[in-house]
Full PDB file with SEQRES, HELIX, SHEET, SSBOND, CRYST1, ORIGX, SCALE, CONECT and MASTER records, all heavy atoms in Angstrom:
SEQRES   1 A   43  SER GLY GLY GLY GLY ASN ALA GLY GLU SER TYR LEU LEU          
SEQRES   2 A   43  ALA TRP TYR PHE ALA ALA PHE HIS THR ARG THR ASP ALA          
SEQRES   3 A   43  PHE GLU LYS ARG LYS GLN LYS GLY ILE LEU PHE THR VAL          
SEQRES   4 A   43  GLY ASP GLU PRO                                              
HELIX    1 AA1 TYR A   11  HIS A   21  1                                  11    
HELIX    2 AA2 ASP A   25  ARG A   30  1                                   6    
CRYST1    1.000    1.000    1.000  90.00  90.00  90.00 P 1           1          
ORIGX1      1.000000  0.000000  0.000000        0.00000                         
ORIGX2      0.000000  1.000000  0.000000        0.00000                         
ORIGX3      0.000000  0.000000  1.000000        0.00000                         
SCALE1      1.000000  0.000000  0.000000        0.00000                         
SCALE2      0.000000  1.000000  0.000000        0.00000                         
SCALE3      0.000000  0.000000  1.000000        0.00000                         
ATOM      1  N   SER A   1      12.482 -12.928 -24.329  1.00  0.00           N  
ATOM      2  CA  SER A   1      11.448 -13.894 -24.727  1.00  0.00           C  
ATOM      3  C   SER A   1      11.183 -14.963 -23.687  1.00  0.00           C  
ATOM      4  O   SER A   1      10.868 -16.090 -24.017  1.00  0.00           O  
ATOM      5  CB  SER A   1      11.823 -14.563 -26.056  1.00  0.00           C  
ATOM      6  OG  SER A   1      11.975 -13.615 -27.063  1.00  0.00           O  
ATOM      7  N   GLY A   2      11.299 -14.612 -22.423  1.00  0.00           N  
ATOM      8  CA  GLY A   2      11.068 -15.607 -21.384  1.00  0.00           C  
ATOM      9  C   GLY A   2       9.601 -15.728 -21.026  1.00  0.00           C  
ATOM     10  O   GLY A   2       8.967 -16.738 -21.264  1.00  0.00           O  
ATOM     11  N   GLY A   3       9.058 -14.672 -20.471  1.00  0.00           N  
ATOM     12  CA  GLY A   3       7.665 -14.722 -20.040  1.00  0.00           C  
ATOM     13  C   GLY A   3       7.508 -15.566 -18.795  1.00  0.00           C  
ATOM     14  O   GLY A   3       8.423 -16.228 -18.337  1.00  0.00           O  
ATOM     15  N   GLY A   4       6.338 -15.497 -18.233  1.00  0.00           N  
ATOM     16  CA  GLY A   4       6.068 -16.255 -17.018  1.00  0.00           C  
ATOM     17  C   GLY A   4       4.574 -16.427 -16.841  1.00  0.00           C  
ATOM     18  O   GLY A   4       3.786 -15.859 -17.583  1.00  0.00           O  
ATOM     19  N   GLY A   5       4.203 -17.172 -15.846  1.00  0.00           N  
ATOM     20  CA  GLY A   5       2.800 -17.446 -15.614  1.00  0.00           C  
ATOM     21  C   GLY A   5       2.167 -16.547 -14.576  1.00  0.00           C  
ATOM     22  O   GLY A   5       1.174 -16.922 -13.957  1.00  0.00           O  
ATOM     23  N   ASN A   6       2.726 -15.368 -14.371  1.00  0.00           N  
ATOM     24  CA  ASN A   6       2.213 -14.497 -13.312  1.00  0.00           C  
ATOM     25  C   ASN A   6       1.248 -13.434 -13.825  1.00  0.00           C  
ATOM     26  O   ASN A   6       0.945 -12.478 -13.125  1.00  0.00           O  
ATOM     27  CB  ASN A   6       3.372 -13.833 -12.568  1.00  0.00           C  
ATOM     28  CG  ASN A   6       4.257 -13.011 -13.483  1.00  0.00           C  
ATOM     29  OD1 ASN A   6       4.173 -13.115 -14.703  1.00  0.00           O  
ATOM     30  ND2 ASN A   6       5.105 -12.188 -12.907  1.00  0.00           N  
ATOM     31  N   ALA A   7       0.773 -13.562 -15.043  1.00  0.00           N  
ATOM     32  CA  ALA A   7      -0.291 -12.704 -15.591  1.00  0.00           C  
ATOM     33  C   ALA A   7       0.044 -11.223 -15.544  1.00  0.00           C  
ATOM     34  O   ALA A   7      -0.754 -10.408 -15.116  1.00  0.00           O  
ATOM     35  CB  ALA A   7      -1.611 -12.987 -14.885  1.00  0.00           C  
ATOM     36  N   GLY A   8       1.210 -10.872 -16.031  1.00  0.00           N  
ATOM     37  CA  GLY A   8       1.557  -9.455 -16.094  1.00  0.00           C  
ATOM     38  C   GLY A   8       2.996  -9.236 -16.504  1.00  0.00           C  
ATOM     39  O   GLY A   8       3.794 -10.166 -16.577  1.00  0.00           O  
ATOM     40  N   GLU A   9       3.299  -7.987 -16.779  1.00  0.00           N  
ATOM     41  CA  GLU A   9       4.662  -7.549 -17.080  1.00  0.00           C  
ATOM     42  C   GLU A   9       4.974  -6.338 -16.214  1.00  0.00           C  
ATOM     43  O   GLU A   9       4.084  -5.715 -15.638  1.00  0.00           O  
ATOM     44  CB  GLU A   9       4.805  -7.175 -18.569  1.00  0.00           C  
ATOM     45  CG  GLU A   9       4.628  -8.336 -19.520  1.00  0.00           C  
ATOM     46  CD  GLU A   9       5.788  -9.324 -19.529  1.00  0.00           C  
ATOM     47  OE1 GLU A   9       6.851  -9.030 -18.958  1.00  0.00           O  
ATOM     48  OE2 GLU A   9       5.611 -10.404 -20.108  1.00  0.00           O  
ATOM     49  N   SER A  10       6.235  -5.972 -16.148  1.00  0.00           N  
ATOM     50  CA  SER A  10       6.695  -4.899 -15.257  1.00  0.00           C  
ATOM     51  C   SER A  10       6.681  -3.532 -15.936  1.00  0.00           C  
ATOM     52  O   SER A  10       7.697  -2.847 -16.002  1.00  0.00           O  
ATOM     53  CB  SER A  10       8.083  -5.231 -14.716  1.00  0.00           C  
ATOM     54  OG  SER A  10       8.037  -6.400 -13.946  1.00  0.00           O  
ATOM     55  N   TYR A  11       5.529  -3.134 -16.436  1.00  0.00           N  
ATOM     56  CA  TYR A  11       5.384  -1.782 -16.971  1.00  0.00           C  
ATOM     57  C   TYR A  11       5.714  -0.755 -15.881  1.00  0.00           C  
ATOM     58  O   TYR A  11       6.104   0.372 -16.184  1.00  0.00           O  
ATOM     59  CB  TYR A  11       3.974  -1.568 -17.502  1.00  0.00           C  
ATOM     60  CG  TYR A  11       3.579  -2.549 -18.586  1.00  0.00           C  
ATOM     61  CD1 TYR A  11       2.812  -3.668 -18.295  1.00  0.00           C  
ATOM     62  CD2 TYR A  11       3.998  -2.355 -19.904  1.00  0.00           C  
ATOM     63  CE1 TYR A  11       2.462  -4.581 -19.282  1.00  0.00           C  
ATOM     64  CE2 TYR A  11       3.652  -3.261 -20.894  1.00  0.00           C  
ATOM     65  CZ  TYR A  11       2.884  -4.374 -20.577  1.00  0.00           C  
ATOM     66  OH  TYR A  11       2.540  -5.269 -21.558  1.00  0.00           O  
ATOM     67  N   LEU A  12       5.570  -1.177 -14.639  1.00  0.00           N  
ATOM     68  CA  LEU A  12       5.884  -0.286 -13.520  1.00  0.00           C  
ATOM     69  C   LEU A  12       7.346   0.143 -13.535  1.00  0.00           C  
ATOM     70  O   LEU A  12       7.674   1.222 -13.039  1.00  0.00           O  
ATOM     71  CB  LEU A  12       5.572  -0.967 -12.186  1.00  0.00           C  
ATOM     72  CG  LEU A  12       4.116  -1.354 -11.940  1.00  0.00           C  
ATOM     73  CD1 LEU A  12       3.961  -2.013 -10.579  1.00  0.00           C  
ATOM     74  CD2 LEU A  12       3.198  -0.170 -12.069  1.00  0.00           C  
ATOM     75  N   LEU A  13       8.225  -0.688 -14.083  1.00  0.00           N  
ATOM     76  CA  LEU A  13       9.639  -0.292 -14.176  1.00  0.00           C  
ATOM     77  C   LEU A  13       9.800   0.934 -15.073  1.00  0.00           C  
ATOM     78  O   LEU A  13      10.616   1.809 -14.792  1.00  0.00           O  
ATOM     79  CB  LEU A  13      10.482  -1.453 -14.708  1.00  0.00           C  
ATOM     80  CG  LEU A  13      10.731  -2.595 -13.746  1.00  0.00           C  
ATOM     81  CD1 LEU A  13      11.400  -3.768 -14.464  1.00  0.00           C  
ATOM     82  CD2 LEU A  13      11.580  -2.132 -12.567  1.00  0.00           C  
ATOM     83  N   ALA A  14       9.033   0.983 -16.154  1.00  0.00           N  
ATOM     84  CA  ALA A  14       9.081   2.158 -17.035  1.00  0.00           C  
ATOM     85  C   ALA A  14       8.590   3.390 -16.293  1.00  0.00           C  
ATOM     86  O   ALA A  14       9.187   4.463 -16.383  1.00  0.00           O  
ATOM     87  CB  ALA A  14       8.236   1.914 -18.280  1.00  0.00           C  
ATOM     88  N   TRP A  15       7.503   3.233 -15.556  1.00  0.00           N  
ATOM     89  CA  TRP A  15       6.967   4.367 -14.802  1.00  0.00           C  
ATOM     90  C   TRP A  15       7.948   4.815 -13.719  1.00  0.00           C  
ATOM     91  O   TRP A  15       8.167   6.012 -13.519  1.00  0.00           O  
ATOM     92  CB  TRP A  15       5.630   3.999 -14.173  1.00  0.00           C  
ATOM     93  CG  TRP A  15       4.531   3.737 -15.162  1.00  0.00           C  
ATOM     94  CD1 TRP A  15       4.590   3.877 -16.529  1.00  0.00           C  
ATOM     95  CD2 TRP A  15       3.223   3.270 -14.874  1.00  0.00           C  
ATOM     96  NE1 TRP A  15       3.383   3.530 -17.082  1.00  0.00           N  
ATOM     97  CE2 TRP A  15       2.531   3.150 -16.105  1.00  0.00           C  
ATOM     98  CE3 TRP A  15       2.568   2.918 -13.698  1.00  0.00           C  
ATOM     99  CZ2 TRP A  15       1.216   2.719 -16.171  1.00  0.00           C  
ATOM    100  CZ3 TRP A  15       1.258   2.488 -13.765  1.00  0.00           C  
ATOM    101  CH2 TRP A  15       0.585   2.392 -14.987  1.00  0.00           C  
ATOM    102  N   TYR A  16       8.531   3.852 -13.017  1.00  0.00           N  
ATOM    103  CA  TYR A  16       9.491   4.183 -11.965  1.00  0.00           C  
ATOM    104  C   TYR A  16      10.688   4.930 -12.550  1.00  0.00           C  
ATOM    105  O   TYR A  16      11.114   5.960 -12.026  1.00  0.00           O  
ATOM    106  CB  TYR A  16       9.955   2.913 -11.248  1.00  0.00           C  
ATOM    107  CG  TYR A  16      10.915   3.191 -10.117  1.00  0.00           C  
ATOM    108  CD1 TYR A  16      10.447   3.423  -8.830  1.00  0.00           C  
ATOM    109  CD2 TYR A  16      12.288   3.233 -10.345  1.00  0.00           C  
ATOM    110  CE1 TYR A  16      11.325   3.699  -7.800  1.00  0.00           C  
ATOM    111  CE2 TYR A  16      13.175   3.503  -9.317  1.00  0.00           C  
ATOM    112  CZ  TYR A  16      12.686   3.733  -8.043  1.00  0.00           C  
ATOM    113  OH  TYR A  16      13.569   4.019  -7.028  1.00  0.00           O  
ATOM    114  N   PHE A  17      11.230   4.385 -13.636  1.00  0.00           N  
ATOM    115  CA  PHE A  17      12.391   5.020 -14.260  1.00  0.00           C  
ATOM    116  C   PHE A  17      12.060   6.450 -14.700  1.00  0.00           C  
ATOM    117  O   PHE A  17      12.812   7.387 -14.454  1.00  0.00           O  
ATOM    118  CB  PHE A  17      12.880   4.194 -15.448  1.00  0.00           C  
ATOM    119  CG  PHE A  17      14.087   4.783 -16.112  1.00  0.00           C  
ATOM    120  CD1 PHE A  17      15.347   4.565 -15.598  1.00  0.00           C  
ATOM    121  CD2 PHE A  17      13.957   5.584 -17.233  1.00  0.00           C  
ATOM    122  CE1 PHE A  17      16.473   5.132 -16.194  1.00  0.00           C  
ATOM    123  CE2 PHE A  17      15.072   6.151 -17.832  1.00  0.00           C  
ATOM    124  CZ  PHE A  17      16.326   5.924 -17.307  1.00  0.00           C  
ATOM    125  N   ALA A  18      10.925   6.624 -15.379  1.00  0.00           N  
ATOM    126  CA  ALA A  18      10.540   7.952 -15.860  1.00  0.00           C  
ATOM    127  C   ALA A  18      10.302   8.920 -14.703  1.00  0.00           C  
ATOM    128  O   ALA A  18      10.710  10.083 -14.761  1.00  0.00           O  
ATOM    129  CB  ALA A  18       9.296   7.850 -16.736  1.00  0.00           C  
ATOM    130  N   ALA A  19       9.668   8.444 -13.646  1.00  0.00           N  
ATOM    131  CA  ALA A  19       9.337   9.314 -12.519  1.00  0.00           C  
ATOM    132  C   ALA A  19      10.563   9.747 -11.726  1.00  0.00           C  
ATOM    133  O   ALA A  19      10.655  10.899 -11.296  1.00  0.00           O  
ATOM    134  CB  ALA A  19       8.345   8.611 -11.595  1.00  0.00           C  
ATOM    135  N   PHE A  20      11.524   8.843 -11.542  1.00  0.00           N  
ATOM    136  CA  PHE A  20      12.617   9.107 -10.611  1.00  0.00           C  
ATOM    137  C   PHE A  20      14.007   9.172 -11.231  1.00  0.00           C  
ATOM    138  O   PHE A  20      14.962   9.542 -10.553  1.00  0.00           O  
ATOM    139  CB  PHE A  20      12.617   8.042  -9.507  1.00  0.00           C  
ATOM    140  CG  PHE A  20      11.348   8.021  -8.707  1.00  0.00           C  
ATOM    141  CD1 PHE A  20      10.506   6.922  -8.765  1.00  0.00           C  
ATOM    142  CD2 PHE A  20      10.986   9.098  -7.917  1.00  0.00           C  
ATOM    143  CE1 PHE A  20       9.326   6.892  -8.030  1.00  0.00           C  
ATOM    144  CE2 PHE A  20       9.810   9.085  -7.185  1.00  0.00           C  
ATOM    145  CZ  PHE A  20       8.971   7.981  -7.240  1.00  0.00           C  
ATOM    146  N   HIS A  21      14.136   8.820 -12.537  1.00  0.00           N  
ATOM    147  CA  HIS A  21      15.470   8.771 -13.125  1.00  0.00           C  
ATOM    148  C   HIS A  21      15.579   9.522 -14.445  1.00  0.00           C  
ATOM    149  O   HIS A  21      16.498   9.244 -15.227  1.00  0.00           O  
ATOM    150  CB  HIS A  21      15.909   7.306 -13.308  1.00  0.00           C  
ATOM    151  CG  HIS A  21      16.144   6.609 -12.012  1.00  0.00           C  
ATOM    152  ND1 HIS A  21      17.310   6.720 -11.298  1.00  0.00           N  
ATOM    153  CD2 HIS A  21      15.329   5.803 -11.282  1.00  0.00           C  
ATOM    154  CE1 HIS A  21      17.216   6.012 -10.187  1.00  0.00           C  
ATOM    155  NE2 HIS A  21      16.017   5.457 -10.156  1.00  0.00           N  
ATOM    156  N   THR A  22      14.658  10.424 -14.730  1.00  0.00           N  
ATOM    157  CA  THR A  22      14.787  11.272 -15.908  1.00  0.00           C  
ATOM    158  C   THR A  22      14.664  12.727 -15.492  1.00  0.00           C  
ATOM    159  O   THR A  22      13.963  13.053 -14.531  1.00  0.00           O  
ATOM    160  CB  THR A  22      13.713  10.972 -16.978  1.00  0.00           C  
ATOM    161  OG1 THR A  22      12.412  11.225 -16.439  1.00  0.00           O  
ATOM    162  CG2 THR A  22      13.806   9.536 -17.466  1.00  0.00           C  
ATOM    163  N   ARG A  23      15.356  13.566 -16.250  1.00  0.00           N  
ATOM    164  CA  ARG A  23      15.248  15.016 -16.086  1.00  0.00           C  
ATOM    165  C   ARG A  23      15.186  15.613 -17.481  1.00  0.00           C  
ATOM    166  O   ARG A  23      15.957  15.213 -18.357  1.00  0.00           O  
ATOM    167  CB  ARG A  23      16.450  15.575 -15.338  1.00  0.00           C  
ATOM    168  CG  ARG A  23      16.496  15.117 -13.895  1.00  0.00           C  
ATOM    169  CD  ARG A  23      17.691  15.707 -13.219  1.00  0.00           C  
ATOM    170  NE  ARG A  23      17.589  17.155 -13.298  1.00  0.00           N  
ATOM    171  CZ  ARG A  23      18.021  17.981 -12.379  1.00  0.00           C  
ATOM    172  NH1 ARG A  23      18.631  17.536 -11.318  1.00  0.00           N  
ATOM    173  NH2 ARG A  23      17.893  19.285 -12.521  1.00  0.00           N  
ATOM    174  N   THR A  24      14.300  16.546 -17.676  1.00  0.00           N  
ATOM    175  CA  THR A  24      14.197  17.218 -18.972  1.00  0.00           C  
ATOM    176  C   THR A  24      14.136  18.723 -18.754  1.00  0.00           C  
ATOM    177  O   THR A  24      13.584  19.200 -17.759  1.00  0.00           O  
ATOM    178  CB  THR A  24      12.934  16.780 -19.735  1.00  0.00           C  
ATOM    179  OG1 THR A  24      11.781  17.204 -19.012  1.00  0.00           O  
ATOM    180  CG2 THR A  24      12.896  15.267 -19.939  1.00  0.00           C  
ATOM    181  N   ASP A  25      14.711  19.457 -19.703  1.00  0.00           N  
ATOM    182  CA  ASP A  25      14.628  20.916 -19.635  1.00  0.00           C  
ATOM    183  C   ASP A  25      13.185  21.382 -19.666  1.00  0.00           C  
ATOM    184  O   ASP A  25      12.809  22.332 -18.982  1.00  0.00           O  
ATOM    185  CB  ASP A  25      15.383  21.555 -20.802  1.00  0.00           C  
ATOM    186  CG  ASP A  25      16.884  21.521 -20.610  1.00  0.00           C  
ATOM    187  OD1 ASP A  25      17.334  21.255 -19.482  1.00  0.00           O  
ATOM    188  OD2 ASP A  25      17.605  21.753 -21.602  1.00  0.00           O  
ATOM    189  N   ALA A  26      12.376  20.729 -20.480  1.00  0.00           N  
ATOM    190  CA  ALA A  26      10.981  21.146 -20.619  1.00  0.00           C  
ATOM    191  C   ALA A  26      10.272  21.135 -19.269  1.00  0.00           C  
ATOM    192  O   ALA A  26       9.526  22.054 -18.948  1.00  0.00           O  
ATOM    193  CB  ALA A  26      10.253  20.243 -21.616  1.00  0.00           C  
ATOM    194  N   PHE A  27      10.517  20.123 -18.474  1.00  0.00           N  
ATOM    195  CA  PHE A  27       9.854  20.069 -17.176  1.00  0.00           C  
ATOM    196  C   PHE A  27      10.583  20.916 -16.136  1.00  0.00           C  
ATOM    197  O   PHE A  27       9.961  21.674 -15.395  1.00  0.00           O  
ATOM    198  CB  PHE A  27       9.722  18.630 -16.671  1.00  0.00           C  
ATOM    199  CG  PHE A  27       8.891  18.545 -15.428  1.00  0.00           C  
ATOM    200  CD1 PHE A  27       7.509  18.570 -15.514  1.00  0.00           C  
ATOM    201  CD2 PHE A  27       9.479  18.483 -14.173  1.00  0.00           C  
ATOM    202  CE1 PHE A  27       6.727  18.526 -14.368  1.00  0.00           C  
ATOM    203  CE2 PHE A  27       8.710  18.437 -13.028  1.00  0.00           C  
ATOM    204  CZ  PHE A  27       7.330  18.454 -13.122  1.00  0.00           C  
ATOM    205  N   GLU A  28      11.906  20.785 -16.083  1.00  0.00           N  
ATOM    206  CA  GLU A  28      12.670  21.495 -15.057  1.00  0.00           C  
ATOM    207  C   GLU A  28      12.546  23.010 -15.197  1.00  0.00           C  
ATOM    208  O   GLU A  28      12.449  23.723 -14.206  1.00  0.00           O  
ATOM    209  CB  GLU A  28      14.146  21.096 -15.120  1.00  0.00           C  
ATOM    210  CG  GLU A  28      14.418  19.616 -14.878  1.00  0.00           C  
ATOM    211  CD  GLU A  28      14.065  19.172 -13.477  1.00  0.00           C  
ATOM    212  OE1 GLU A  28      14.247  19.960 -12.536  1.00  0.00           O  
ATOM    213  OE2 GLU A  28      13.592  18.034 -13.318  1.00  0.00           O  
ATOM    214  N   LYS A  29      12.548  23.498 -16.430  1.00  0.00           N  
ATOM    215  CA  LYS A  29      12.538  24.956 -16.657  1.00  0.00           C  
ATOM    216  C   LYS A  29      11.146  25.529 -16.882  1.00  0.00           C  
ATOM    217  O   LYS A  29      10.896  26.685 -16.564  1.00  0.00           O  
ATOM    218  CB  LYS A  29      13.421  25.297 -17.854  1.00  0.00           C  
ATOM    219  CG  LYS A  29      14.881  24.985 -17.616  1.00  0.00           C  
ATOM    220  CD  LYS A  29      15.713  25.310 -18.834  1.00  0.00           C  
ATOM    221  CE  LYS A  29      17.187  24.995 -18.579  1.00  0.00           C  
ATOM    222  NZ  LYS A  29      18.008  25.236 -19.774  1.00  0.00           N  
ATOM    223  N   ARG A  30      10.233  24.719 -17.474  1.00  0.00           N  
ATOM    224  CA  ARG A  30       8.935  25.275 -17.847  1.00  0.00           C  
ATOM    225  C   ARG A  30       7.744  24.473 -17.330  1.00  0.00           C  
ATOM    226  O   ARG A  30       6.614  24.771 -17.660  1.00  0.00           O  
ATOM    227  CB  ARG A  30       8.854  25.387 -19.373  1.00  0.00           C  
ATOM    228  CG  ARG A  30       9.895  26.344 -19.946  1.00  0.00           C  
ATOM    229  CD  ARG A  30       9.842  26.405 -21.454  1.00  0.00           C  
ATOM    230  NE  ARG A  30      10.023  25.114 -22.102  1.00  0.00           N  
ATOM    231  CZ  ARG A  30      11.191  24.492 -22.251  1.00  0.00           C  
ATOM    232  NH1 ARG A  30      12.289  25.043 -21.784  1.00  0.00           N  
ATOM    233  NH2 ARG A  30      11.267  23.328 -22.865  1.00  0.00           N  
ATOM    234  N   LYS A  31       8.004  23.424 -16.566  1.00  0.00           N  
ATOM    235  CA  LYS A  31       6.942  22.567 -16.035  1.00  0.00           C  
ATOM    236  C   LYS A  31       6.044  21.985 -17.120  1.00  0.00           C  
ATOM    237  O   LYS A  31       4.853  21.783 -16.934  1.00  0.00           O  
ATOM    238  CB  LYS A  31       6.088  23.312 -14.995  1.00  0.00           C  
ATOM    239  CG  LYS A  31       6.862  23.792 -13.805  1.00  0.00           C  
ATOM    240  CD  LYS A  31       7.467  22.636 -13.040  1.00  0.00           C  
ATOM    241  CE  LYS A  31       8.223  23.127 -11.811  1.00  0.00           C  
ATOM    242  NZ  LYS A  31       9.309  22.255 -11.432  1.00  0.00           N  
ATOM    243  N   GLN A  32       6.635  21.685 -18.277  1.00  0.00           N  
ATOM    244  CA  GLN A  32       5.899  21.058 -19.375  1.00  0.00           C  
ATOM    245  C   GLN A  32       6.161  19.560 -19.345  1.00  0.00           C  
ATOM    246  O   GLN A  32       7.309  19.115 -19.385  1.00  0.00           O  
ATOM    247  CB  GLN A  32       6.323  21.652 -20.715  1.00  0.00           C  
ATOM    248  CG  GLN A  32       5.936  23.100 -20.832  1.00  0.00           C  
ATOM    249  CD  GLN A  32       6.575  23.757 -22.042  1.00  0.00           C  
ATOM    250  OE1 GLN A  32       7.611  23.310 -22.521  1.00  0.00           O  
ATOM    251  NE2 GLN A  32       5.959  24.813 -22.523  1.00  0.00           N  
ATOM    252  N   LYS A  33       5.078  18.814 -19.295  1.00  0.00           N  
ATOM    253  CA  LYS A  33       5.195  17.366 -19.211  1.00  0.00           C  
ATOM    254  C   LYS A  33       5.659  16.754 -20.528  1.00  0.00           C  
ATOM    255  O   LYS A  33       5.362  17.269 -21.597  1.00  0.00           O  
ATOM    256  CB  LYS A  33       3.850  16.753 -18.834  1.00  0.00           C  
ATOM    257  CG  LYS A  33       3.401  17.071 -17.433  1.00  0.00           C  
ATOM    258  CD  LYS A  33       2.089  16.371 -17.149  1.00  0.00           C  
ATOM    259  CE  LYS A  33       1.604  16.628 -15.752  1.00  0.00           C  
ATOM    260  NZ  LYS A  33       0.342  15.892 -15.482  1.00  0.00           N  
ATOM    261  N   GLY A  34       6.325  15.621 -20.404  1.00  0.00           N  
ATOM    262  CA  GLY A  34       6.681  14.820 -21.559  1.00  0.00           C  
ATOM    263  C   GLY A  34       5.571  13.827 -21.849  1.00  0.00           C  
ATOM    264  O   GLY A  34       4.490  13.871 -21.242  1.00  0.00           O  
ATOM    265  N   ILE A  35       5.839  12.934 -22.776  1.00  0.00           N  
ATOM    266  CA  ILE A  35       4.874  11.896 -23.141  1.00  0.00           C  
ATOM    267  C   ILE A  35       5.556  10.544 -22.961  1.00  0.00           C  
ATOM    268  O   ILE A  35       6.660  10.330 -23.452  1.00  0.00           O  
ATOM    269  CB  ILE A  35       4.412  12.056 -24.602  1.00  0.00           C  
ATOM    270  CG1 ILE A  35       3.833  13.450 -24.845  1.00  0.00           C  
ATOM    271  CG2 ILE A  35       3.363  10.993 -24.936  1.00  0.00           C  
ATOM    272  CD1 ILE A  35       3.527  13.726 -26.302  1.00  0.00           C  
ATOM    273  N   LEU A  36       4.881   9.640 -22.272  1.00  0.00           N  
ATOM    274  CA  LEU A  36       5.416   8.313 -22.018  1.00  0.00           C  
ATOM    275  C   LEU A  36       4.452   7.285 -22.598  1.00  0.00           C  
ATOM    276  O   LEU A  36       3.255   7.339 -22.325  1.00  0.00           O  
ATOM    277  CB  LEU A  36       5.566   8.116 -20.508  1.00  0.00           C  
ATOM    278  CG  LEU A  36       6.166   6.808 -20.028  1.00  0.00           C  
ATOM    279  CD1 LEU A  36       6.880   7.036 -18.711  1.00  0.00           C  
ATOM    280  CD2 LEU A  36       5.121   5.732 -19.852  1.00  0.00           C  
ATOM    281  N   PHE A  37       4.976   6.396 -23.415  1.00  0.00           N  
ATOM    282  CA  PHE A  37       4.179   5.308 -23.990  1.00  0.00           C  
ATOM    283  C   PHE A  37       4.733   3.972 -23.509  1.00  0.00           C  
ATOM    284  O   PHE A  37       5.945   3.765 -23.540  1.00  0.00           O  
ATOM    285  CB  PHE A  37       4.284   5.291 -25.527  1.00  0.00           C  
ATOM    286  CG  PHE A  37       3.718   6.486 -26.212  1.00  0.00           C  
ATOM    287  CD1 PHE A  37       4.513   7.575 -26.512  1.00  0.00           C  
ATOM    288  CD2 PHE A  37       2.390   6.512 -26.575  1.00  0.00           C  
ATOM    289  CE1 PHE A  37       3.997   8.670 -27.164  1.00  0.00           C  
ATOM    290  CE2 PHE A  37       1.854   7.607 -27.232  1.00  0.00           C  
ATOM    291  CZ  PHE A  37       2.661   8.686 -27.528  1.00  0.00           C  
ATOM    292  N   THR A  38       3.852   3.090 -23.090  1.00  0.00           N  
ATOM    293  CA  THR A  38       4.206   1.690 -22.957  1.00  0.00           C  
ATOM    294  C   THR A  38       3.391   0.946 -24.005  1.00  0.00           C  
ATOM    295  O   THR A  38       2.311   1.386 -24.392  1.00  0.00           O  
ATOM    296  CB  THR A  38       3.926   1.124 -21.548  1.00  0.00           C  
ATOM    297  OG1 THR A  38       2.570   1.384 -21.188  1.00  0.00           O  
ATOM    298  CG2 THR A  38       4.858   1.735 -20.522  1.00  0.00           C  
ATOM    299  N   VAL A  39       3.940  -0.154 -24.462  1.00  0.00           N  
ATOM    300  CA  VAL A  39       3.284  -0.955 -25.501  1.00  0.00           C  
ATOM    301  C   VAL A  39       3.330  -2.400 -25.057  1.00  0.00           C  
ATOM    302  O   VAL A  39       4.383  -2.888 -24.640  1.00  0.00           O  
ATOM    303  CB  VAL A  39       4.014  -0.803 -26.855  1.00  0.00           C  
ATOM    304  CG1 VAL A  39       3.345  -1.649 -27.927  1.00  0.00           C  
ATOM    305  CG2 VAL A  39       4.101   0.658 -27.275  1.00  0.00           C  
ATOM    306  N   GLY A  40       2.208  -3.096 -25.145  1.00  0.00           N  
ATOM    307  CA  GLY A  40       2.242  -4.498 -24.767  1.00  0.00           C  
ATOM    308  C   GLY A  40       0.898  -5.184 -24.892  1.00  0.00           C  
ATOM    309  O   GLY A  40      -0.082  -4.594 -25.341  1.00  0.00           O  
ATOM    310  N   ASP A  41       0.899  -6.439 -24.445  1.00  0.00           N  
ATOM    311  CA  ASP A  41      -0.298  -7.263 -24.575  1.00  0.00           C  
ATOM    312  C   ASP A  41      -0.659  -7.960 -23.272  1.00  0.00           C  
ATOM    313  O   ASP A  41      -1.431  -8.905 -23.265  1.00  0.00           O  
ATOM    314  CB  ASP A  41      -0.121  -8.296 -25.684  1.00  0.00           C  
ATOM    315  CG  ASP A  41       1.029  -9.254 -25.414  1.00  0.00           C  
ATOM    316  OD1 ASP A  41       1.747  -9.076 -24.404  1.00  0.00           O  
ATOM    317  OD2 ASP A  41       1.217 -10.185 -26.225  1.00  0.00           O  
ATOM    318  N   GLU A  42      -0.078  -7.514 -22.166  1.00  0.00           N  
ATOM    319  CA  GLU A  42      -0.376  -8.116 -20.870  1.00  0.00           C  
ATOM    320  C   GLU A  42      -0.754  -7.019 -19.884  1.00  0.00           C  
ATOM    321  O   GLU A  42      -0.443  -5.849 -20.089  1.00  0.00           O  
ATOM    322  CB  GLU A  42       0.833  -8.885 -20.339  1.00  0.00           C  
ATOM    323  CG  GLU A  42       1.129 -10.137 -21.133  1.00  0.00           C  
ATOM    324  CD  GLU A  42       1.961 -11.127 -20.343  1.00  0.00           C  
ATOM    325  OE1 GLU A  42       1.807 -11.196 -19.103  1.00  0.00           O  
ATOM    326  OE2 GLU A  42       2.757 -11.823 -20.976  1.00  0.00           O  
ATOM    327  N   PRO A  43      -1.401  -7.412 -18.772  1.00  0.00           N  
ATOM    328  CA  PRO A  43      -1.702  -6.402 -17.755  1.00  0.00           C  
ATOM    329  C   PRO A  43      -0.451  -5.959 -17.028  1.00  0.00           C  
ATOM    330  O   PRO A  43       0.601  -6.591 -17.109  1.00  0.00           O  
ATOM    331  CB  PRO A  43      -2.666  -7.118 -16.804  1.00  0.00           C  
ATOM    332  CG  PRO A  43      -2.617  -8.554 -17.140  1.00  0.00           C  
ATOM    333  CD  PRO A  43      -1.949  -8.720 -18.465  1.00  0.00           C  
TER     334      PRO A  43                                                      
MASTER        0    0    0    2    0    0    0    6  333    1    0    4          
END                                                                             
């Protein structure tokens, strides 16, 4: 609950983590994509 005055949040951390730090059988074995949701109220 800190927040800041920089007009945004780090949704990019979710994208970075999903892109480079997850592995799934669906993608590794069958090239089937997963689904990623971010939820928020800032850019």
